[in-house]
C-alpha atoms as a PDB file:
ATOM      1  CA  MET A   1       0.000   0.000   0.000  1.00  0.00           C
ATOM      2  CA  SER A   2       2.993   2.301   0.279  1.00  0.00           C
ATOM      3  CA  SER A   3       2.872   3.086  -3.438  1.00  0.00           C
ATOM      4  CA  ALA A   4      -0.899   3.660  -3.530  1.00  0.00           C
ATOM      5  CA  SER A   5      -2.273   7.060  -4.540  1.00  0.00           C
ATOM      6  CA  TRP A   6      -4.508   8.105  -1.647  1.00  0.00           C
ATOM      7  CA  PHE A   7      -7.129  10.839  -1.781  1.00  0.00           C
ATOM      8  CA  LYS A   8      -9.764  12.379   0.487  1.00  0.00           C
ATOM      9  CA  SER A   9     -13.298  13.337  -0.304  1.00  0.00           C
ATOM     10  CA  SER A  10     -13.822  16.768  -1.792  1.00  0.00           C
ATOM     11  CA  TYR A  11     -15.995  17.402   1.294  1.00  0.00           C
ATOM     12  CA  SER A  12     -12.954  17.088   3.583  1.00  0.00           C
ATOM     13  CA  ASN A  13     -11.160  20.180   4.758  1.00  0.00           C
ATOM     14  CA  SER A  14      -7.557  20.740   5.813  1.00  0.00           C
ATOM     15  CA  ASP A  15      -8.123  21.221   9.560  1.00  0.00           C
ATOM     16  CA  GLY A  16      -7.222  17.617  10.423  1.00  0.00           C
ATOM     17  CA  GLY A  17     -10.782  16.510  11.084  1.00  0.00           C
ATOM     18  CA  ASP A  18     -12.131  13.008  10.983  1.00  0.00           C
ATOM     19  CA  CYS A  19     -11.513  11.901   7.405  1.00  0.00           C
ATOM     20  CA  VAL A  20     -11.022   8.708   5.514  1.00  0.00           C
ATOM     21  CA  GLU A  21      -8.893   8.299   2.426  1.00  0.00           C
ATOM     22  CA  VAL A  22      -9.344   5.848  -0.405  1.00  0.00           C
ATOM     23  CA  ALA A  23      -6.873   4.643  -3.001  1.00  0.00           C
ATOM     24  CA  ASP A  24      -7.402   3.441  -6.534  1.00  0.00           C
ATOM     25  CA  GLY A  25      -5.468   1.283  -8.916  1.00  0.00           C
ATOM     26  CA  LEU A  26      -6.222  -2.119  -7.387  1.00  0.00           C
ATOM     27  CA  PRO A  27      -8.462  -4.251  -9.576  1.00  0.00           C
ATOM     28  CA  ASP A  28     -11.780  -4.956  -7.860  1.00  0.00           C
ATOM     29  CA  LEU A  29     -10.600  -3.576  -4.479  1.00  0.00           C
ATOM     30  CA  VAL A  30     -10.934  -0.230  -2.716  1.00  0.00           C
ATOM     31  CA  PRO A  31      -8.449   0.373   0.116  1.00  0.00           C
ATOM     32  CA  VAL A  32      -9.673   2.723   2.877  1.00  0.00           C
ATOM     33  CA  ARG A  33      -7.666   4.225   5.753  1.00  0.00           C
ATOM     34  CA  ASP A  34      -7.877   6.885   8.460  1.00  0.00           C
ATOM     35  CA  SER A  35      -6.254  10.057   7.149  1.00  0.00           C
ATOM     36  CA  LYS A  36      -4.840  10.863  10.589  1.00  0.00           C
ATOM     37  CA  VAL A  37      -3.070   7.485  10.903  1.00  0.00           C
ATOM     38  CA  GLN A  38      -1.547   6.997   7.464  1.00  0.00           C
ATOM     39  CA  GLU A  39       0.765   4.223   8.638  1.00  0.00           C
ATOM     40  CA  GLY A  40      -2.111   2.452  10.388  1.00  0.00           C
ATOM     41  CA  PRO A  41      -4.329  -0.366   9.172  1.00  0.00           C
ATOM     42  CA  VAL A  42      -6.018  -0.380   5.777  1.00  0.00           C
ATOM     43  CA  LEU A  43      -9.455  -1.858   5.190  1.00  0.00           C
ATOM     44  CA  LEU A  44     -10.030  -3.515   1.823  1.00  0.00           C
ATOM     45  CA  PHE A  45     -13.495  -3.571   0.292  1.00  0.00           C
ATOM     46  CA  ARG A  46     -14.673  -5.187  -2.892  1.00  0.00           C
ATOM     47  CA  ALA A  47     -15.271  -2.459  -5.467  1.00  0.00           C
ATOM     48  CA  ALA A  48     -18.917  -3.447  -5.947  1.00  0.00           C
ATOM     49  CA  SER A  49     -19.560  -3.303  -2.197  1.00  0.00           C
ATOM     50  CA  TRP A  50     -17.863   0.097  -1.923  1.00  0.00           C
ATOM     51  CA  ALA A  51     -19.910   1.448  -4.843  1.00  0.00           C
ATOM     52  CA  ALA A  52     -23.128   0.234  -3.193  1.00  0.00           C
ATOM     53  CA  PHE A  53     -22.098   1.873   0.109  1.00  0.00           C
ATOM     54  CA  VAL A  54     -21.342   5.210  -1.590  1.00  0.00           C
ATOM     55  CA  ALA A  55     -24.655   5.076  -3.496  1.00  0.00           C
ATOM     56  CA  ASP A  56     -26.543   4.451  -0.238  1.00  0.00           C
ATOM     57  CA  VAL A  57     -24.770   7.309   1.533  1.00  0.00           C
ATOM     58  CA  LYS A  58     -25.572   9.674  -1.329  1.00  0.00           C
ATOM     59  CA  GLY A  59     -29.217   8.572  -1.207  1.00  0.00           C
END
């Protein structure tokens, strides 16, 4: 995961709040981590499950 390109939501701000970051580039997987603990654990979700989660949150 050290070479992954991580990014935050466009809704995040730069004050160090509670944010998650996601990375892309892994086929069928979406890595997610806490932006405040970048060397901490990474959760891996199947891309379809992550897409369903995001769609539900938007709805």
